[in-house]
Amino acid sequence: MNPYDKAHELARELKRSNEVLNMISAKEAIKADPAASRMMDDFDSKQQAVYALYQTGEPPLPGQLEELRSLMEIMRQNSVLANFLQADARVGQLISDIQRIIADAIAETRWEQE
């Protein structure tokens, strides 16, 4: 068995999973709704700015995290955006579960001082 072949097989299966297909459908619904699309673009831009700060080791500017939380609450009131956020969370959970399964499989090989 070649782990790279299995990784590619997993990637193909993920693309066909209900979780990913639902997220793709939810993304298309956002694209079809100009107001939802603008709101998502705005949120994504602000989220990326905060992420970039974290990457450089700097804290977010005052109010940035609160603004993101506020935007998220507003987005949850829009059914198109709420559907996408739920689908995105399910895909995130799927990926997290897969990472945990892989990490558990190789945990014994890690060097850890006792």
PDB file of N, CA and C in Angstrom:
ATOM      1  N   MET A   1       0.834  -1.178   0.000  1.00  0.00           N
ATOM      2  CA  MET A   1       0.000   0.000   0.000  1.00  0.00           C
ATOM      3  C   MET A   1       0.880   1.243   0.000  1.00  0.00           C
ATOM      4  N   ASN A   2       0.553   2.159  -0.866  1.00  0.00           N
ATOM      5  CA  ASN A   2       1.263   3.424  -0.948  1.00  0.00           C
ATOM      6  C   ASN A   2       0.413   4.502  -0.271  1.00  0.00           C
ATOM      7  N   PRO A   3       0.928   5.118   0.797  1.00  0.00           N
ATOM      8  CA  PRO A   3       0.133   6.141   1.498  1.00  0.00           C
ATOM      9  C   PRO A   3      -0.297   7.296   0.598  1.00  0.00           C
ATOM     10  N   TYR A   4       0.520   7.648  -0.380  1.00  0.00           N
ATOM     11  CA  TYR A   4       0.145   8.741  -1.286  1.00  0.00           C
ATOM     12  C   TYR A   4      -1.057   8.353  -2.145  1.00  0.00           C
ATOM     13  N   ASP A   5      -1.074   7.105  -2.590  1.00  0.00           N
ATOM     14  CA  ASP A   5      -2.230   6.638  -3.352  1.00  0.00           C
ATOM     15  C   ASP A   5      -3.496   6.674  -2.494  1.00  0.00           C
ATOM     16  N   LYS A   6      -3.371   6.268  -1.241  1.00  0.00           N
ATOM     17  CA  LYS A   6      -4.517   6.293  -0.331  1.00  0.00           C
ATOM     18  C   LYS A   6      -4.965   7.735  -0.055  1.00  0.00           C
ATOM     19  N   ALA A   7      -4.009   8.645   0.048  1.00  0.00           N
ATOM     20  CA  ALA A   7      -4.357  10.055   0.265  1.00  0.00           C
ATOM     21  C   ALA A   7      -5.137  10.600  -0.925  1.00  0.00           C
ATOM     22  N   HIS A   8      -4.718  10.249  -2.131  1.00  0.00           N
ATOM     23  CA  HIS A   8      -5.446  10.681  -3.325  1.00  0.00           C
ATOM     24  C   HIS A   8      -6.825  10.030  -3.393  1.00  0.00           C
ATOM     25  N   GLU A   9      -6.905   8.778  -2.978  1.00  0.00           N
ATOM     26  CA  GLU A   9      -8.201   8.095  -2.923  1.00  0.00           C
ATOM     27  C   GLU A   9      -9.122   8.791  -1.916  1.00  0.00           C
ATOM     28  N   LEU A  10      -8.585   9.141  -0.756  1.00  0.00           N
ATOM     29  CA  LEU A  10      -9.365   9.860   0.250  1.00  0.00           C
ATOM     30  C   LEU A  10      -9.836  11.209  -0.295  1.00  0.00           C
ATOM     31  N   ALA A  11      -8.959  11.911  -0.999  1.00  0.00           N
ATOM     32  CA  ALA A  11      -9.337  13.205  -1.576  1.00  0.00           C
ATOM     33  C   ALA A  11     -10.491  13.045  -2.558  1.00  0.00           C
ATOM     34  N   ARG A  12     -10.439  12.011  -3.379  1.00  0.00           N
ATOM     35  CA  ARG A  12     -11.537  11.761  -4.327  1.00  0.00           C
ATOM     36  C   ARG A  12     -12.833  11.457  -3.587  1.00  0.00           C
ATOM     37  N   GLU A  13     -12.745  10.670  -2.520  1.00  0.00           N
ATOM     38  CA  GLU A  13     -13.931  10.336  -1.734  1.00  0.00           C
ATOM     39  C   GLU A  13     -14.491  11.568  -1.030  1.00  0.00           C
ATOM     40  N   LEU A  14     -13.618  12.415  -0.534  1.00  0.00           N
ATOM     41  CA  LEU A  14     -14.077  13.641   0.124  1.00  0.00           C
ATOM     42  C   LEU A  14     -14.849  14.524  -0.848  1.00  0.00           C
ATOM     43  N   LYS A  15     -14.366  14.629  -2.071  1.00  0.00           N
ATOM     44  CA  LYS A  15     -15.059  15.446  -3.075  1.00  0.00           C
ATOM     45  C   LYS A  15     -16.466  14.937  -3.348  1.00  0.00           C
ATOM     46  N   ARG A  16     -16.691  13.635  -3.131  1.00  0.00           N
ATOM     47  CA  ARG A  16     -18.007  13.040  -3.371  1.00  0.00           C
ATOM     48  C   ARG A  16     -18.838  12.907  -2.094  1.00  0.00           C
ATOM     49  N   SER A  17     -18.276  13.320  -0.966  1.00  0.00           N
ATOM     50  CA  SER A  17     -18.998  13.168   0.298  1.00  0.00           C
ATOM     51  C   SER A  17     -20.164  14.142   0.384  1.00  0.00           C
ATOM     52  N   ASN A  18     -21.181  13.744   1.133  1.00  0.00           N
ATOM     53  CA  ASN A  18     -22.338  14.618   1.327  1.00  0.00           C
ATOM     54  C   ASN A  18     -21.932  15.954   1.934  1.00  0.00           C
ATOM     55  N   GLU A  19     -20.986  15.921   2.868  1.00  0.00           N
ATOM     56  CA  GLU A  19     -20.552  17.148   3.527  1.00  0.00           C
ATOM     57  C   GLU A  19     -19.981  18.152   2.526  1.00  0.00           C
ATOM     58  N   VAL A  20     -19.101  17.690   1.671  1.00  0.00           N
ATOM     59  CA  VAL A  20     -18.479  18.592   0.693  1.00  0.00           C
ATOM     60  C   VAL A  20     -19.486  19.001  -0.383  1.00  0.00           C
ATOM     61  N   LEU A  21     -20.300  18.066  -0.850  1.00  0.00           N
ATOM     62  CA  LEU A  21     -21.310  18.410  -1.855  1.00  0.00           C
ATOM     63  C   LEU A  21     -22.302  19.436  -1.314  1.00  0.00           C
ATOM     64  N   ASN A  22     -22.685  19.302  -0.045  1.00  0.00           N
ATOM     65  CA  ASN A  22     -23.579  20.284   0.562  1.00  0.00           C
ATOM     66  C   ASN A  22     -22.912  21.654   0.663  1.00  0.00           C
ATOM     67  N   MET A  23     -21.629  21.681   0.980  1.00  0.00           N
ATOM     68  CA  MET A  23     -20.925  22.958   1.068  1.00  0.00           C
ATOM     69  C   MET A  23     -20.815  23.613  -0.314  1.00  0.00           C
ATOM     70  N   ILE A  24     -20.557  22.831  -1.327  1.00  0.00           N
ATOM     71  CA  ILE A  24     -20.485  23.367  -2.695  1.00  0.00           C
ATOM     72  C   ILE A  24     -21.834  23.950  -3.091  1.00  0.00           C
ATOM     73  N   SER A  25     -22.897  23.237  -2.781  1.00  0.00           N
ATOM     74  CA  SER A  25     -24.237  23.724  -3.092  1.00  0.00           C
ATOM     75  C   SER A  25     -24.535  25.023  -2.334  1.00  0.00           C
ATOM     76  N   ALA A  26     -24.150  25.075  -1.070  1.00  0.00           N
ATOM     77  CA  ALA A  26     -24.373  26.279  -0.264  1.00  0.00           C
ATOM     78  C   ALA A  26     -23.557  27.450  -0.804  1.00  0.00           C
ATOM     79  N   LYS A  27     -22.354  27.178  -1.277  1.00  0.00           N
ATOM     80  CA  LYS A  27     -21.509  28.227  -1.859  1.00  0.00           C
ATOM     81  C   LYS A  27     -22.143  28.777  -3.137  1.00  0.00           C
ATOM     82  N   GLU A  28     -22.690  27.903  -3.947  1.00  0.00           N
ATOM     83  CA  GLU A  28     -23.355  28.336  -5.180  1.00  0.00           C
ATOM     84  C   GLU A  28     -24.574  29.205  -4.864  1.00  0.00           C
ATOM     85  N   ALA A  29     -25.287  28.859  -3.803  1.00  0.00           N
ATOM     86  CA  ALA A  29     -26.450  29.663  -3.401  1.00  0.00           C
ATOM     87  C   ALA A  29     -26.015  31.067  -2.984  1.00  0.00           C
ATOM     88  N   ILE A  30     -24.871  31.172  -2.326  1.00  0.00           N
ATOM     89  CA  ILE A  30     -24.351  32.488  -1.952  1.00  0.00           C
ATOM     90  C   ILE A  30     -24.012  33.289  -3.206  1.00  0.00           C
ATOM     91  N   LYS A  31     -23.359  32.647  -4.154  1.00  0.00           N
ATOM     92  CA  LYS A  31     -22.988  33.332  -5.397  1.00  0.00           C
ATOM     93  C   LYS A  31     -24.212  33.858  -6.144  1.00  0.00           C
ATOM     94  N   ALA A  32     -25.339  33.174  -6.005  1.00  0.00           N
ATOM     95  CA  ALA A  32     -26.570  33.574  -6.692  1.00  0.00           C
ATOM     96  C   ALA A  32     -27.308  34.696  -5.966  1.00  0.00           C
ATOM     97  N   ASP A  33     -26.873  35.036  -4.774  1.00  0.00           N
ATOM     98  CA  ASP A  33     -27.521  36.073  -3.959  1.00  0.00           C
ATOM     99  C   ASP A  33     -26.524  37.213  -3.754  1.00  0.00           C
ATOM    100  N   PRO A  34     -26.663  38.318  -4.518  1.00  0.00           N
ATOM    101  CA  PRO A  34     -25.669  39.400  -4.440  1.00  0.00           C
ATOM    102  C   PRO A  34     -25.450  39.945  -3.027  1.00  0.00           C
ATOM    103  N   ALA A  35     -26.504  40.107  -2.249  1.00  0.00           N
ATOM    104  CA  ALA A  35     -26.344  40.643  -0.891  1.00  0.00           C
ATOM    105  C   ALA A  35     -25.565  39.660  -0.012  1.00  0.00           C
ATOM    106  N   ALA A  36     -25.908  38.384  -0.100  1.00  0.00           N
ATOM    107  CA  ALA A  36     -25.200  37.372   0.674  1.00  0.00           C
ATOM    108  C   ALA A  36     -23.747  37.267   0.228  1.00  0.00           C
ATOM    109  N   SER A  37     -23.512  37.379  -1.054  1.00  0.00           N
ATOM    110  CA  SER A  37     -22.157  37.310  -1.591  1.00  0.00           C
ATOM    111  C   SER A  37     -21.304  38.468  -1.075  1.00  0.00           C
ATOM    112  N   ARG A  38     -21.861  39.672  -1.073  1.00  0.00           N
ATOM    113  CA  ARG A  38     -21.123  40.838  -0.561  1.00  0.00           C
ATOM    114  C   ARG A  38     -20.814  40.661   0.923  1.00  0.00           C
ATOM    115  N   MET A  39     -21.800  40.180   1.676  1.00  0.00           N
ATOM    116  CA  MET A  39     -21.599  39.986   3.108  1.00  0.00           C
ATOM    117  C   MET A  39     -20.516  38.940   3.358  1.00  0.00           C
ATOM    118  N   MET A  40     -20.539  37.860   2.583  1.00  0.00           N
ATOM    119  CA  MET A  40     -19.534  36.814   2.748  1.00  0.00           C
ATOM    120  C   MET A  40     -18.149  37.337   2.376  1.00  0.00           C
ATOM    121  N   ASP A  41     -18.066  38.109   1.294  1.00  0.00           N
ATOM    122  CA  ASP A  41     -16.783  38.694   0.891  1.00  0.00           C
ATOM    123  C   ASP A  41     -16.232  39.607   1.981  1.00  0.00           C
ATOM    124  N   ASP A  42     -17.115  40.416   2.565  1.00  0.00           N
ATOM    125  CA  ASP A  42     -16.707  41.332   3.625  1.00  0.00           C
ATOM    126  C   ASP A  42     -16.201  40.553   4.844  1.00  0.00           C
ATOM    127  N   PHE A  43     -16.943  39.548   5.243  1.00  0.00           N
ATOM    128  CA  PHE A  43     -16.542  38.738   6.387  1.00  0.00           C
ATOM    129  C   PHE A  43     -15.206  38.047   6.113  1.00  0.00           C
ATOM    130  N   ASP A  44     -15.075  37.464   4.936  1.00  0.00           N
ATOM    131  CA  ASP A  44     -13.853  36.747   4.583  1.00  0.00           C
ATOM    132  C   ASP A  44     -12.648  37.683   4.592  1.00  0.00           C
ATOM    133  N   SER A  45     -12.825  38.879   4.054  1.00  0.00           N
ATOM    134  CA  SER A  45     -11.739  39.853   4.026  1.00  0.00           C
ATOM    135  C   SER A  45     -11.295  40.219   5.444  1.00  0.00           C
ATOM    136  N   LYS A  46     -12.257  40.460   6.307  1.00  0.00           N
ATOM    137  CA  LYS A  46     -11.937  40.827   7.692  1.00  0.00           C
ATOM    138  C   LYS A  46     -11.327  39.647   8.449  1.00  0.00           C
ATOM    139  N   GLN A  47     -11.812  38.468   8.179  1.00  0.00           N
ATOM    140  CA  GLN A  47     -11.266  37.277   8.826  1.00  0.00           C
ATOM    141  C   GLN A  47      -9.821  37.042   8.379  1.00  0.00           C
ATOM    142  N   GLN A  48      -9.551  37.234   7.104  1.00  0.00           N
ATOM    143  CA  GLN A  48      -8.191  37.063   6.593  1.00  0.00           C
ATOM    144  C   GLN A  48      -7.229  38.084   7.206  1.00  0.00           C
ATOM    145  N   ALA A  49      -7.710  39.301   7.423  1.00  0.00           N
ATOM    146  CA  ALA A  49      -6.873  40.330   8.039  1.00  0.00           C
ATOM    147  C   ALA A  49      -6.475  39.923   9.459  1.00  0.00           C
ATOM    148  N   VAL A  50      -7.418  39.378  10.213  1.00  0.00           N
ATOM    149  CA  VAL A  50      -7.120  38.926  11.570  1.00  0.00           C
ATOM    150  C   VAL A  50      -6.163  37.742  11.527  1.00  0.00           C
ATOM    151  N   TYR A  51      -6.396  36.818  10.622  1.00  0.00           N
ATOM    152  CA  TYR A  51      -5.534  35.649  10.485  1.00  0.00           C
ATOM    153  C   TYR A  51      -4.112  36.072  10.134  1.00  0.00           C
ATOM    154  N   ALA A  52      -3.972  37.058   9.252  1.00  0.00           N
ATOM    155  CA  ALA A  52      -2.646  37.550   8.863  1.00  0.00           C
ATOM    156  C   ALA A  52      -1.904  38.127  10.069  1.00  0.00           C
ATOM    157  N   LEU A  53      -2.616  38.815  10.940  1.00  0.00           N
ATOM    158  CA  LEU A  53      -1.987  39.342  12.152  1.00  0.00           C
ATOM    159  C   LEU A  53      -1.485  38.209  13.034  1.00  0.00           C
ATOM    160  N   TYR A  54      -2.319  37.192  13.218  1.00  0.00           N
ATOM    161  CA  TYR A  54      -1.909  36.045  14.023  1.00  0.00           C
ATOM    162  C   TYR A  54      -0.674  35.375  13.438  1.00  0.00           C
ATOM    163  N   GLN A  55      -0.614  35.301  12.125  1.00  0.00           N
ATOM    164  CA  GLN A  55       0.531  34.665  11.458  1.00  0.00           C
ATOM    165  C   GLN A  55       1.835  35.412  11.729  1.00  0.00           C
ATOM    166  N   THR A  56       1.746  36.718  11.917  1.00  0.00           N
ATOM    167  CA  THR A  56       2.945  37.504  12.194  1.00  0.00           C
ATOM    168  C   THR A  56       3.220  37.622  13.686  1.00  0.00           C
ATOM    169  N   GLY A  57       2.375  37.011  14.498  1.00  0.00           N
ATOM    170  CA  GLY A  57       2.570  37.048  15.936  1.00  0.00           C
ATOM    171  C   GLY A  57       1.971  38.273  16.604  1.00  0.00           C
ATOM    172  N   GLU A  58       1.252  39.077  15.850  1.00  0.00           N
ATOM    173  CA  GLU A  58       0.641  40.281  16.411  1.00  0.00           C
ATOM    174  C   GLU A  58      -0.807  39.994  16.802  1.00  0.00           C
ATOM    175  N   PRO A  59      -1.266  40.649  17.856  1.00  0.00           N
ATOM    176  CA  PRO A  59      -2.668  40.482  18.232  1.00  0.00           C
ATOM    177  C   PRO A  59      -3.565  41.286  17.299  1.00  0.00           C
ATOM    178  N   PRO A  60      -4.820  40.885  17.180  1.00  0.00           N
ATOM    179  CA  PRO A  60      -5.759  41.676  16.372  1.00  0.00           C
ATOM    180  C   PRO A  60      -5.908  43.075  16.958  1.00  0.00           C
ATOM    181  N   LEU A  61      -6.263  44.001  16.113  1.00  0.00           N
ATOM    182  CA  LEU A  61      -6.496  45.368  16.561  1.00  0.00           C
ATOM    183  C   LEU A  61      -7.738  45.405  17.443  1.00  0.00           C
ATOM    184  N   PRO A  62      -7.817  46.391  18.337  1.00  0.00           N
ATOM    185  CA  PRO A  62      -9.002  46.473  19.201  1.00  0.00           C
ATOM    186  C   PRO A  62     -10.289  46.501  18.357  1.00  0.00           C
ATOM    187  N   GLY A  63     -11.201  45.654  18.727  1.00  0.00           N
ATOM    188  CA  GLY A  63     -12.495  45.624  18.052  1.00  0.00           C
ATOM    189  C   GLY A  63     -12.595  44.669  16.877  1.00  0.00           C
ATOM    190  N   GLN A  64     -11.476  44.185  16.363  1.00  0.00           N
ATOM    191  CA  GLN A  64     -11.550  43.307  15.187  1.00  0.00           C
ATOM    192  C   GLN A  64     -12.281  42.003  15.482  1.00  0.00           C
ATOM    193  N   LEU A  65     -11.964  41.372  16.604  1.00  0.00           N
ATOM    194  CA  LEU A  65     -12.622  40.104  16.928  1.00  0.00           C
ATOM    195  C   LEU A  65     -14.099  40.320  17.221  1.00  0.00           C
ATOM    196  N   GLU A  66     -14.414  41.398  17.913  1.00  0.00           N
ATOM    197  CA  GLU A  66     -15.814  41.698  18.196  1.00  0.00           C
ATOM    198  C   GLU A  66     -16.571  41.973  16.898  1.00  0.00           C
ATOM    199  N   GLU A  67     -15.932  42.656  15.951  1.00  0.00           N
ATOM    200  CA  GLU A  67     -16.570  42.917  14.661  1.00  0.00           C
ATOM    201  C   GLU A  67     -16.851  41.609  13.930  1.00  0.00           C
ATOM    202  N   LEU A  68     -15.904  40.672  13.982  1.00  0.00           N
ATOM    203  CA  LEU A  68     -16.110  39.370  13.345  1.00  0.00           C
ATOM    204  C   LEU A  68     -17.269  38.622  14.007  1.00  0.00           C
ATOM    205  N   ARG A  69     -17.313  38.640  15.331  1.00  0.00           N
ATOM    206  CA  ARG A  69     -18.421  37.975  16.039  1.00  0.00           C
ATOM    207  C   ARG A  69     -19.769  38.594  15.659  1.00  0.00           C
ATOM    208  N   SER A  70     -19.787  39.909  15.588  1.00  0.00           N
ATOM    209  CA  SER A  70     -21.019  40.612  15.237  1.00  0.00           C
ATOM    210  C   SER A  70     -21.457  40.266  13.811  1.00  0.00           C
ATOM    211  N   LEU A  71     -20.489  40.265  12.883  1.00  0.00           N
ATOM    212  CA  LEU A  71     -20.809  39.899  11.501  1.00  0.00           C
ATOM    213  C   LEU A  71     -21.316  38.461  11.415  1.00  0.00           C
ATOM    214  N   MET A  72     -20.725  37.579  12.192  1.00  0.00           N
ATOM    215  CA  MET A  72     -21.142  36.176  12.188  1.00  0.00           C
ATOM    216  C   MET A  72     -22.588  36.056  12.654  1.00  0.00           C
ATOM    217  N   GLU A  73     -22.956  36.798  13.675  1.00  0.00           N
ATOM    218  CA  GLU A  73     -24.334  36.765  14.160  1.00  0.00           C
ATOM    219  C   GLU A  73     -25.302  37.284  13.095  1.00  0.00           C
ATOM    220  N   ILE A  74     -24.919  38.339  12.413  1.00  0.00           N
ATOM    221  CA  ILE A  74     -25.750  38.884  11.334  1.00  0.00           C
ATOM    222  C   ILE A  74     -25.878  37.857  10.215  1.00  0.00           C
ATOM    223  N   MET A  75     -24.774  37.202   9.882  1.00  0.00           N
ATOM    224  CA  MET A  75     -24.782  36.206   8.811  1.00  0.00           C
ATOM    225  C   MET A  75     -25.689  35.029   9.162  1.00  0.00           C
ATOM    226  N   ARG A  76     -25.740  34.667  10.429  1.00  0.00           N
ATOM    227  CA  ARG A  76     -26.586  33.546  10.850  1.00  0.00           C
ATOM    228  C   ARG A  76     -28.072  33.854  10.702  1.00  0.00           C
ATOM    229  N   GLN A  77     -28.405  35.141  10.581  1.00  0.00           N
ATOM    230  CA  GLN A  77     -29.801  35.531  10.398  1.00  0.00           C
ATOM    231  C   GLN A  77     -30.236  35.384   8.935  1.00  0.00           C
ATOM    232  N   ASN A  78     -29.258  35.263   8.033  1.00  0.00           N
ATOM    233  CA  ASN A  78     -29.529  35.089   6.604  1.00  0.00           C
ATOM    234  C   ASN A  78     -29.505  33.588   6.316  1.00  0.00           C
ATOM    235  N   SER A  79     -30.612  33.032   5.847  1.00  0.00           N
ATOM    236  CA  SER A  79     -30.701  31.578   5.673  1.00  0.00           C
ATOM    237  C   SER A  79     -29.669  31.035   4.683  1.00  0.00           C
ATOM    238  N   VAL A  80     -29.357  31.793   3.645  1.00  0.00           N
ATOM    239  CA  VAL A  80     -28.364  31.335   2.653  1.00  0.00           C
ATOM    240  C   VAL A  80     -26.988  31.242   3.303  1.00  0.00           C
ATOM    241  N   LEU A  81     -26.633  32.277   4.049  1.00  0.00           N
ATOM    242  CA  LEU A  81     -25.335  32.278   4.718  1.00  0.00           C
ATOM    243  C   LEU A  81     -25.292  31.274   5.867  1.00  0.00           C
ATOM    244  N   ALA A  82     -26.384  31.160   6.605  1.00  0.00           N
ATOM    245  CA  ALA A  82     -26.437  30.207   7.709  1.00  0.00           C
ATOM    246  C   ALA A  82     -26.255  28.782   7.195  1.00  0.00           C
ATOM    247  N   ASN A  83     -26.849  28.484   6.063  1.00  0.00           N
ATOM    248  CA  ASN A  83     -26.705  27.163   5.467  1.00  0.00           C
ATOM    249  C   ASN A  83     -25.239  26.887   5.123  1.00  0.00           C
ATOM    250  N   PHE A  84     -24.565  27.883   4.559  1.00  0.00           N
ATOM    251  CA  PHE A  84     -23.147  27.722   4.221  1.00  0.00           C
ATOM    252  C   PHE A  84     -22.312  27.536   5.485  1.00  0.00           C
ATOM    253  N   LEU A  85     -22.563  28.353   6.499  1.00  0.00           N
ATOM    254  CA  LEU A  85     -21.788  28.255   7.735  1.00  0.00           C
ATOM    255  C   LEU A  85     -21.954  26.878   8.377  1.00  0.00           C
ATOM    256  N   GLN A  86     -23.168  26.336   8.346  1.00  0.00           N
ATOM    257  CA  GLN A  86     -23.394  24.997   8.890  1.00  0.00           C
ATOM    258  C   GLN A  86     -22.668  23.941   8.065  1.00  0.00           C
ATOM    259  N   ALA A  87     -22.732  24.070   6.749  1.00  0.00           N
ATOM    260  CA  ALA A  87     -22.054  23.112   5.869  1.00  0.00           C
ATOM    261  C   ALA A  87     -20.537  23.194   6.066  1.00  0.00           C
ATOM    262  N   ASP A  88     -20.028  24.405   6.201  1.00  0.00           N
ATOM    263  CA  ASP A  88     -18.593  24.612   6.417  1.00  0.00           C
ATOM    264  C   ASP A  88     -18.164  23.979   7.739  1.00  0.00           C
ATOM    265  N   ALA A  89     -18.983  24.128   8.762  1.00  0.00           N
ATOM    266  CA  ALA A  89     -18.663  23.529  10.062  1.00  0.00           C
ATOM    267  C   ALA A  89     -18.637  22.006   9.971  1.00  0.00           C
ATOM    268  N   ARG A  90     -19.571  21.427   9.209  1.00  0.00           N
ATOM    269  CA  ARG A  90     -19.592  19.969   9.057  1.00  0.00           C
ATOM    270  C   ARG A  90     -18.350  19.475   8.311  1.00  0.00           C
ATOM    271  N   VAL A  91     -17.925  20.207   7.289  1.00  0.00           N
ATOM    272  CA  VAL A  91     -16.699  19.827   6.568  1.00  0.00           C
ATOM    273  C   VAL A  91     -15.494  19.973   7.496  1.00  0.00           C
ATOM    274  N   GLY A  92     -15.469  21.049   8.267  1.00  0.00           N
ATOM    275  CA  GLY A  92     -14.381  21.231   9.226  1.00  0.00           C
ATOM    276  C   GLY A  92     -14.315  20.101  10.230  1.00  0.00           C
ATOM    277  N   GLN A  93     -15.471  19.651  10.714  1.00  0.00           N
ATOM    278  CA  GLN A  93     -15.512  18.536  11.655  1.00  0.00           C
ATOM    279  C   GLN A  93     -15.030  17.249  10.993  1.00  0.00           C
ATOM    280  N   LEU A  94     -15.422  17.032   9.748  1.00  0.00           N
ATOM    281  CA  LEU A  94     -14.975  15.853   9.005  1.00  0.00           C
ATOM    282  C   LEU A  94     -13.452  15.840   8.884  1.00  0.00           C
ATOM    283  N   ILE A  95     -12.874  16.968   8.493  1.00  0.00           N
ATOM    284  CA  ILE A  95     -11.420  17.065   8.334  1.00  0.00           C
ATOM    285  C   ILE A  95     -10.729  16.864   9.683  1.00  0.00           C
ATOM    286  N   SER A  96     -11.277  17.460  10.724  1.00  0.00           N
ATOM    287  CA  SER A  96     -10.713  17.300  12.066  1.00  0.00           C
ATOM    288  C   SER A  96     -10.734  15.834  12.502  1.00  0.00           C
ATOM    289  N   ASP A  97     -11.829  15.161  12.241  1.00  0.00           N
ATOM    290  CA  ASP A  97     -11.925  13.740  12.593  1.00  0.00           C
ATOM    291  C   ASP A  97     -10.897  12.912  11.835  1.00  0.00           C
ATOM    292  N   ILE A  98     -10.727  13.205  10.558  1.00  0.00           N
ATOM    293  CA  ILE A  98      -9.750  12.465   9.746  1.00  0.00           C
ATOM    294  C   ILE A  98      -8.336  12.719  10.259  1.00  0.00           C
ATOM    295  N   GLN A  99      -8.028  13.974  10.588  1.00  0.00           N
ATOM    296  CA  GLN A  99      -6.698  14.290  11.127  1.00  0.00           C
ATOM    297  C   GLN A  99      -6.449  13.544  12.436  1.00  0.00           C
ATOM    298  N   ARG A 100      -7.475  13.476  13.306  1.00  0.00           N
ATOM    299  CA  ARG A 100      -7.328  12.774  14.575  1.00  0.00           C
ATOM    300  C   ARG A 100      -7.081  11.288  14.342  1.00  0.00           C
ATOM    301  N   ILE A 101      -7.804  10.702  13.398  1.00  0.00           N
ATOM    302  CA  ILE A 101      -7.622   9.274  13.090  1.00  0.00           C
ATOM    303  C   ILE A 101      -6.197   9.010  12.626  1.00  0.00           C
ATOM    304  N   ILE A 102      -5.683   9.867  11.753  1.00  0.00           N
ATOM    305  CA  ILE A 102      -4.316   9.699  11.243  1.00  0.00           C
ATOM    306  C   ILE A 102      -3.307   9.910  12.360  1.00  0.00           C
ATOM    307  N   ALA A 103      -3.493  10.948  13.156  1.00  0.00           N
ATOM    308  CA  ALA A 103      -2.567  11.229  14.259  1.00  0.00           C
ATOM    309  C   ALA A 103      -2.551  10.077  15.255  1.00  0.00           C
ATOM    310  N   ASP A 104      -3.718   9.536  15.558  1.00  0.00           N
ATOM    311  CA  ASP A 104      -3.789   8.404  16.494  1.00  0.00           C
ATOM    312  C   ASP A 104      -3.048   7.191  15.937  1.00  0.00           C
ATOM    313  N   ALA A 105      -3.101   7.016  14.632  1.00  0.00           N
ATOM    314  CA  ALA A 105      -2.456   5.849  14.009  1.00  0.00           C
ATOM    315  C   ALA A 105      -0.941   5.904  14.128  1.00  0.00           C
ATOM    316  N   ILE A 106      -0.382   7.093  14.178  1.00  0.00           N
ATOM    317  CA  ILE A 106       1.083   7.199  14.236  1.00  0.00           C
ATOM    318  C   ILE A 106       1.589   7.737  15.573  1.00  0.00           C
ATOM    319  N   ALA A 107       0.697   7.894  16.538  1.00  0.00           N
ATOM    320  CA  ALA A 107       1.077   8.457  17.830  1.00  0.00           C
ATOM    321  C   ALA A 107       2.192   7.687  18.513  1.00  0.00           C
ATOM    322  N   GLU A 108       2.190   6.394  18.379  1.00  0.00           N
ATOM    323  CA  GLU A 108       3.217   5.563  19.041  1.00  0.00           C
ATOM    324  C   GLU A 108       4.591   5.812  18.468  1.00  0.00           C
ATOM    325  N   THR A 109       4.693   6.333  17.276  1.00  0.00           N
ATOM    326  CA  THR A 109       5.998   6.522  16.654  1.00  0.00           C
ATOM    327  C   THR A 109       6.642   7.855  17.022  1.00  0.00           C
ATOM    328  N   ARG A 110       5.880   8.744  17.649  1.00  0.00           N
ATOM    329  CA  ARG A 110       6.375  10.075  17.996  1.00  0.00           C
ATOM    330  C   ARG A 110       7.378   9.977  19.160  1.00  0.00           C
ATOM    331  N   TRP A 111       8.359  10.807  19.142  1.00  0.00           N
ATOM    332  CA  TRP A 111       9.321  10.848  20.229  1.00  0.00           C
ATOM    333  C   TRP A 111       8.781  11.727  21.328  1.00  0.00           C
ATOM    334  N   GLU A 112       8.567  11.158  22.454  1.00  0.00           N
ATOM    335  CA  GLU A 112       8.097  11.915  23.603  1.00  0.00           C
ATOM    336  C   GLU A 112       8.896  11.463  24.817  1.00  0.00           C
ATOM    337  N   GLN A 113       9.401  12.415  25.549  1.00  0.00           N
ATOM    338  CA  GLN A 113      10.122  12.071  26.766  1.00  0.00           C
ATOM    339  C   GLN A 113       9.141  11.616  27.820  1.00  0.00           C
ATOM    340  N   GLU A 114       9.520  10.604  28.535  1.00  0.00           N
ATOM    341  CA  GLU A 114       8.627  10.069  29.574  1.00  0.00           C
ATOM    342  C   GLU A 114       8.972  10.624  30.915  1.00  0.00           C
TER     343      GLU A 114
END
